[in-house]
Each structure stands twice: as structure tokens, then as C-alpha cells.
Amino acid sequence: MNARILWVPLVASMALLGGCEKQSSLERAEDKVNDALDRRPAEDIRDAAEDAKEAAKDFGDAVKDMAQEASDDAKAAASEAAAEAKEAAREVEEAAKDAVH
């Protein structure tokens, strides 16, 4: 009885693992041909998923570009503000010297 209890999960797990094989090169090529010819099972769903994946990638790229642009703008603004502050400090220093003389 105990042996049967151990064999059932073992056989079931072997059956499940057997279904998890990677596709061979020929199977991948066949899938690509079927994709190009729109002959895959559930083609509409697969195409929609591929479109959604591409749209998500495009969105991520756009967000990344916008973040980089915002960062560049912030750096430029900070640099300009620092230059203006330095010039203002120089003017204050000159005014202080003129006031003393």
C-alpha cells in the first residue's frame, strides 16, 4: 500500500515533466512559418498578445526617453541657476567693496 502511495505522485510528476520539453530548432522554425502565414492555433489571440508586448516595450522606451530628457533639463536648469547665483554673489561682493570705499 505504501509503495503505491509513493508511485502515484512519482508517475504523475514524470508525466508532467515530460510535457515541459523545449522546442527543437525544427519546431521553432515551423512555429515561425506558421506565424508568418497566420496558421497558428488561436492566431488572433497570439497576435493581440504580440501587439500588446510591442506596445508595452514602446511605452517603456518612451518613458525612459522622457525621464532622460527631464533629467537633462533639470541638470541644465541647475547649472544655469548656479551660474546666475555665482554672478549675483559676485555683484554683491562688488557692491560691498564699493560701499566700503
N, C-alpha and C. Protein backbone atom coordinates (compact mmCIF):
# COMPACT_ATOMS: atom_id res chain seq x y z
N MET A 1 0.81 -1.18 0.00
CA MET A 1 0.00 0.00 0.00
C MET A 1 0.87 1.26 0.00
N ASN A 2 1.88 1.31 0.88
CA ASN A 2 2.75 2.48 0.95
C ASN A 2 3.52 2.70 -0.35
N ALA A 3 3.89 1.63 -1.02
CA ALA A 3 4.61 1.76 -2.29
C ALA A 3 3.73 2.41 -3.34
N ARG A 4 2.45 2.05 -3.35
CA ARG A 4 1.52 2.67 -4.31
C ARG A 4 1.38 4.16 -4.04
N ILE A 5 1.36 4.55 -2.80
CA ILE A 5 1.23 5.95 -2.44
C ILE A 5 2.41 6.75 -2.98
N LEU A 6 3.59 6.16 -2.96
CA LEU A 6 4.78 6.84 -3.47
C LEU A 6 4.84 6.84 -4.99
N TRP A 7 4.34 5.79 -5.62
CA TRP A 7 4.42 5.67 -7.08
C TRP A 7 3.48 6.64 -7.79
N VAL A 8 2.32 6.89 -7.24
CA VAL A 8 1.35 7.76 -7.92
C VAL A 8 1.91 9.16 -8.14
N PRO A 9 2.44 9.84 -7.10
CA PRO A 9 3.00 11.17 -7.35
C PRO A 9 4.23 11.14 -8.25
N LEU A 10 5.02 10.07 -8.14
CA LEU A 10 6.21 9.94 -8.97
C LEU A 10 5.83 9.84 -10.44
N VAL A 11 4.89 9.00 -10.76
CA VAL A 11 4.46 8.83 -12.15
C VAL A 11 3.80 10.11 -12.66
N ALA A 12 3.00 10.74 -11.83
CA ALA A 12 2.33 11.98 -12.23
C ALA A 12 3.36 13.08 -12.51
N SER A 13 4.36 13.20 -11.66
CA SER A 13 5.37 14.25 -11.88
C SER A 13 6.21 13.95 -13.11
N MET A 14 6.49 12.69 -13.39
CA MET A 14 7.24 12.35 -14.59
C MET A 14 6.42 12.67 -15.84
N ALA A 15 5.12 12.44 -15.78
CA ALA A 15 4.26 12.75 -16.91
C ALA A 15 4.22 14.25 -17.16
N LEU A 16 4.17 15.04 -16.08
CA LEU A 16 4.14 16.49 -16.22
C LEU A 16 5.46 17.02 -16.74
N LEU A 17 6.57 16.49 -16.25
CA LEU A 17 7.88 16.93 -16.70
C LEU A 17 8.12 16.58 -18.16
N GLY A 18 7.57 15.50 -18.60
CA GLY A 18 7.72 15.10 -20.00
C GLY A 18 7.07 16.09 -20.94
N GLY A 19 6.04 16.79 -20.49
CA GLY A 19 5.36 17.77 -21.31
C GLY A 19 6.04 19.13 -21.33
N CYS A 20 7.11 19.30 -20.57
CA CYS A 20 7.79 20.59 -20.46
C CYS A 20 9.06 20.65 -21.29
N GLU A 21 9.11 19.88 -22.35
CA GLU A 21 10.31 19.86 -23.18
C GLU A 21 10.45 21.16 -23.95
N LYS A 22 11.69 21.55 -24.22
CA LYS A 22 11.92 22.72 -25.05
C LYS A 22 11.70 22.34 -26.51
N GLN A 23 11.31 23.35 -27.30
CA GLN A 23 11.09 23.09 -28.71
C GLN A 23 12.43 22.88 -29.41
N SER A 24 12.42 22.00 -30.38
CA SER A 24 13.61 21.80 -31.19
C SER A 24 13.72 22.94 -32.19
N SER A 25 14.84 23.02 -32.86
CA SER A 25 15.03 24.05 -33.88
C SER A 25 13.99 23.93 -34.97
N LEU A 26 13.68 22.71 -35.36
CA LEU A 26 12.68 22.49 -36.40
C LEU A 26 11.30 22.95 -35.94
N GLU A 27 10.95 22.66 -34.69
CA GLU A 27 9.65 23.08 -34.17
C GLU A 27 9.56 24.61 -34.08
N ARG A 28 10.67 25.25 -33.66
CA ARG A 28 10.67 26.72 -33.60
C ARG A 28 10.53 27.31 -35.00
N ALA A 29 11.23 26.72 -35.98
CA ALA A 29 11.14 27.20 -37.36
C ALA A 29 9.72 27.01 -37.89
N GLU A 30 9.12 25.87 -37.58
CA GLU A 30 7.75 25.61 -38.02
C GLU A 30 6.79 26.63 -37.40
N ASP A 31 7.00 26.95 -36.12
CA ASP A 31 6.15 27.93 -35.45
C ASP A 31 6.30 29.30 -36.10
N LYS A 32 7.54 29.67 -36.49
CA LYS A 32 7.75 30.96 -37.14
C LYS A 32 7.09 31.01 -38.51
N VAL A 33 7.16 29.90 -39.24
CA VAL A 33 6.50 29.84 -40.56
C VAL A 33 4.99 29.95 -40.37
N ASN A 34 4.46 29.21 -39.42
CA ASN A 34 3.02 29.26 -39.16
C ASN A 34 2.61 30.66 -38.69
N ASP A 35 3.47 31.32 -37.94
CA ASP A 35 3.19 32.68 -37.51
C ASP A 35 3.14 33.62 -38.71
N ALA A 36 4.12 33.48 -39.59
CA ALA A 36 4.16 34.35 -40.77
C ALA A 36 2.96 34.12 -41.68
N LEU A 37 2.49 32.89 -41.73
CA LEU A 37 1.34 32.56 -42.58
C LEU A 37 0.01 32.62 -41.84
N ASP A 38 0.05 33.08 -40.58
CA ASP A 38 -1.16 33.16 -39.75
C ASP A 38 -1.89 31.83 -39.65
N ARG A 39 -1.13 30.76 -39.43
CA ARG A 39 -1.72 29.42 -39.31
C ARG A 39 -1.57 28.83 -37.92
N ARG A 40 -1.20 29.63 -36.93
CA ARG A 40 -1.04 29.09 -35.59
C ARG A 40 -2.40 28.96 -34.92
N PRO A 41 -2.52 28.03 -33.96
CA PRO A 41 -3.78 27.95 -33.20
C PRO A 41 -4.00 29.26 -32.43
N ALA A 42 -5.22 29.72 -32.38
CA ALA A 42 -5.59 30.94 -31.67
C ALA A 42 -4.76 32.13 -32.18
N GLU A 43 -4.66 32.25 -33.49
CA GLU A 43 -3.80 33.27 -34.11
C GLU A 43 -4.18 34.68 -33.68
N ASP A 44 -5.47 34.97 -33.60
CA ASP A 44 -5.89 36.32 -33.21
C ASP A 44 -5.42 36.67 -31.81
N ILE A 45 -5.51 35.72 -30.91
CA ILE A 45 -5.09 35.96 -29.52
C ILE A 45 -3.58 36.13 -29.46
N ARG A 46 -2.86 35.30 -30.18
CA ARG A 46 -1.40 35.40 -30.19
C ARG A 46 -0.96 36.74 -30.79
N ASP A 47 -1.60 37.14 -31.89
CA ASP A 47 -1.26 38.42 -32.49
C ASP A 47 -1.54 39.57 -31.54
N ALA A 48 -2.67 39.51 -30.86
CA ALA A 48 -3.02 40.56 -29.89
C ALA A 48 -1.99 40.61 -28.76
N ALA A 49 -1.55 39.44 -28.30
CA ALA A 49 -0.54 39.40 -27.24
C ALA A 49 0.78 39.97 -27.73
N GLU A 50 1.15 39.64 -28.97
CA GLU A 50 2.39 40.19 -29.54
C GLU A 50 2.29 41.70 -29.69
N ASP A 51 1.13 42.18 -30.13
CA ASP A 51 0.93 43.63 -30.27
C ASP A 51 1.00 44.31 -28.91
N ALA A 52 0.41 43.70 -27.90
CA ALA A 52 0.44 44.27 -26.54
C ALA A 52 1.87 44.29 -26.02
N LYS A 53 2.62 43.26 -26.29
CA LYS A 53 4.02 43.20 -25.85
C LYS A 53 4.82 44.32 -26.51
N GLU A 54 4.62 44.50 -27.81
CA GLU A 54 5.34 45.55 -28.54
C GLU A 54 4.93 46.94 -28.04
N ALA A 55 3.63 47.12 -27.78
CA ALA A 55 3.15 48.41 -27.28
C ALA A 55 3.73 48.71 -25.89
N ALA A 56 3.82 47.68 -25.05
CA ALA A 56 4.40 47.86 -23.71
C ALA A 56 5.88 48.23 -23.82
N LYS A 57 6.59 47.60 -24.75
CA LYS A 57 8.00 47.92 -24.96
C LYS A 57 8.15 49.35 -25.45
N ASP A 58 7.31 49.75 -26.41
CA ASP A 58 7.36 51.12 -26.93
C ASP A 58 7.06 52.13 -25.82
N PHE A 59 6.07 51.81 -24.98
CA PHE A 59 5.71 52.69 -23.87
C PHE A 59 6.88 52.82 -22.91
N GLY A 60 7.51 51.70 -22.58
CA GLY A 60 8.66 51.72 -21.68
C GLY A 60 9.80 52.54 -22.25
N ASP A 61 10.04 52.40 -23.56
CA ASP A 61 11.09 53.19 -24.21
C ASP A 61 10.77 54.68 -24.15
N ALA A 62 9.49 55.02 -24.39
CA ALA A 62 9.07 56.42 -24.35
C ALA A 62 9.24 57.00 -22.96
N VAL A 63 8.86 56.24 -21.94
CA VAL A 63 9.01 56.70 -20.55
C VAL A 63 10.49 56.91 -20.23
N LYS A 64 11.32 55.97 -20.66
CA LYS A 64 12.76 56.08 -20.43
C LYS A 64 13.32 57.34 -21.10
N ASP A 65 12.90 57.59 -22.35
CA ASP A 65 13.37 58.77 -23.07
C ASP A 65 12.91 60.05 -22.38
N MET A 66 11.64 60.06 -21.93
CA MET A 66 11.11 61.25 -21.26
C MET A 66 11.84 61.49 -19.94
N ALA A 67 12.14 60.43 -19.22
CA ALA A 67 12.86 60.57 -17.95
C ALA A 67 14.27 61.11 -18.19
N GLN A 68 14.92 60.63 -19.24
CA GLN A 68 16.26 61.12 -19.56
C GLN A 68 16.20 62.59 -19.95
N GLU A 69 15.19 62.96 -20.74
CA GLU A 69 15.04 64.35 -21.15
C GLU A 69 14.77 65.25 -19.94
N ALA A 70 13.92 64.78 -19.03
CA ALA A 70 13.63 65.55 -17.82
C ALA A 70 14.88 65.70 -16.97
N SER A 71 15.67 64.65 -16.89
CA SER A 71 16.91 64.71 -16.12
C SER A 71 17.88 65.70 -16.74
N ASP A 72 18.00 65.66 -18.07
CA ASP A 72 18.89 66.60 -18.76
C ASP A 72 18.42 68.04 -18.56
N ASP A 73 17.10 68.26 -18.64
CA ASP A 73 16.55 69.60 -18.43
C ASP A 73 16.83 70.08 -17.01
N ALA A 74 16.66 69.20 -16.04
CA ALA A 74 16.90 69.57 -14.64
C ALA A 74 18.37 69.92 -14.42
N LYS A 75 19.27 69.15 -15.03
CA LYS A 75 20.70 69.44 -14.90
C LYS A 75 21.03 70.79 -15.52
N ALA A 76 20.46 71.06 -16.69
CA ALA A 76 20.72 72.34 -17.36
C ALA A 76 20.18 73.49 -16.53
N ALA A 77 18.97 73.33 -15.97
CA ALA A 77 18.38 74.39 -15.15
C ALA A 77 19.21 74.61 -13.90
N ALA A 78 19.68 73.54 -13.27
CA ALA A 78 20.50 73.68 -12.07
C ALA A 78 21.82 74.36 -12.39
N SER A 79 22.40 74.02 -13.52
CA SER A 79 23.66 74.64 -13.92
C SER A 79 23.47 76.13 -14.19
N GLU A 80 22.37 76.47 -14.87
CA GLU A 80 22.07 77.87 -15.15
C GLU A 80 21.80 78.64 -13.85
N ALA A 81 21.06 78.03 -12.94
CA ALA A 81 20.77 78.68 -11.66
C ALA A 81 22.06 78.89 -10.86
N ALA A 82 22.96 77.91 -10.91
CA ALA A 82 24.23 78.04 -10.20
C ALA A 82 25.06 79.18 -10.79
N ALA A 83 25.06 79.29 -12.12
CA ALA A 83 25.81 80.37 -12.76
C ALA A 83 25.22 81.73 -12.40
N GLU A 84 23.89 81.82 -12.38
CA GLU A 84 23.24 83.08 -12.01
C GLU A 84 23.51 83.42 -10.55
N ALA A 85 23.50 82.43 -9.68
CA ALA A 85 23.79 82.67 -8.26
C ALA A 85 25.23 83.13 -8.08
N LYS A 86 26.13 82.54 -8.83
CA LYS A 86 27.54 82.93 -8.75
C LYS A 86 27.71 84.37 -9.22
N GLU A 87 27.04 84.72 -10.30
CA GLU A 87 27.10 86.10 -10.80
C GLU A 87 26.49 87.07 -9.79
N ALA A 88 25.38 86.70 -9.17
CA ALA A 88 24.74 87.56 -8.17
C ALA A 88 25.67 87.74 -6.97
N ALA A 89 26.34 86.68 -6.56
CA ALA A 89 27.27 86.77 -5.44
C ALA A 89 28.43 87.70 -5.79
N ARG A 90 28.90 87.63 -7.02
CA ARG A 90 29.98 88.50 -7.48
C ARG A 90 29.52 89.97 -7.45
N GLU A 91 28.28 90.21 -7.88
CA GLU A 91 27.75 91.57 -7.87
C GLU A 91 27.60 92.10 -6.45
N VAL A 92 27.15 91.25 -5.53
CA VAL A 92 27.03 91.65 -4.12
C VAL A 92 28.40 91.97 -3.55
N GLU A 93 29.38 91.16 -3.89
CA GLU A 93 30.74 91.38 -3.41
C GLU A 93 31.27 92.72 -3.94
N GLU A 94 31.02 93.01 -5.21
CA GLU A 94 31.46 94.29 -5.80
C GLU A 94 30.72 95.46 -5.12
N ALA A 95 29.44 95.29 -4.88
CA ALA A 95 28.69 96.36 -4.25
C ALA A 95 29.20 96.60 -2.81
N ALA A 96 29.54 95.52 -2.13
CA ALA A 96 30.06 95.66 -0.77
C ALA A 96 31.39 96.39 -0.78
N LYS A 97 32.25 96.08 -1.76
CA LYS A 97 33.55 96.76 -1.87
C LYS A 97 33.35 98.25 -2.16
N ASP A 98 32.40 98.55 -3.06
CA ASP A 98 32.14 99.94 -3.41
C ASP A 98 31.57 100.70 -2.21
N ALA A 99 30.79 100.03 -1.39
CA ALA A 99 30.20 100.68 -0.22
C ALA A 99 31.25 101.02 0.81
N VAL A 100 32.27 100.19 0.91
CA VAL A 100 33.33 100.39 1.89
C VAL A 100 34.23 101.53 1.43
N HIS A 101 34.45 101.74 0.19
CA HIS A 101 35.37 102.75 -0.32
C HIS A 101 34.71 104.02 -0.43
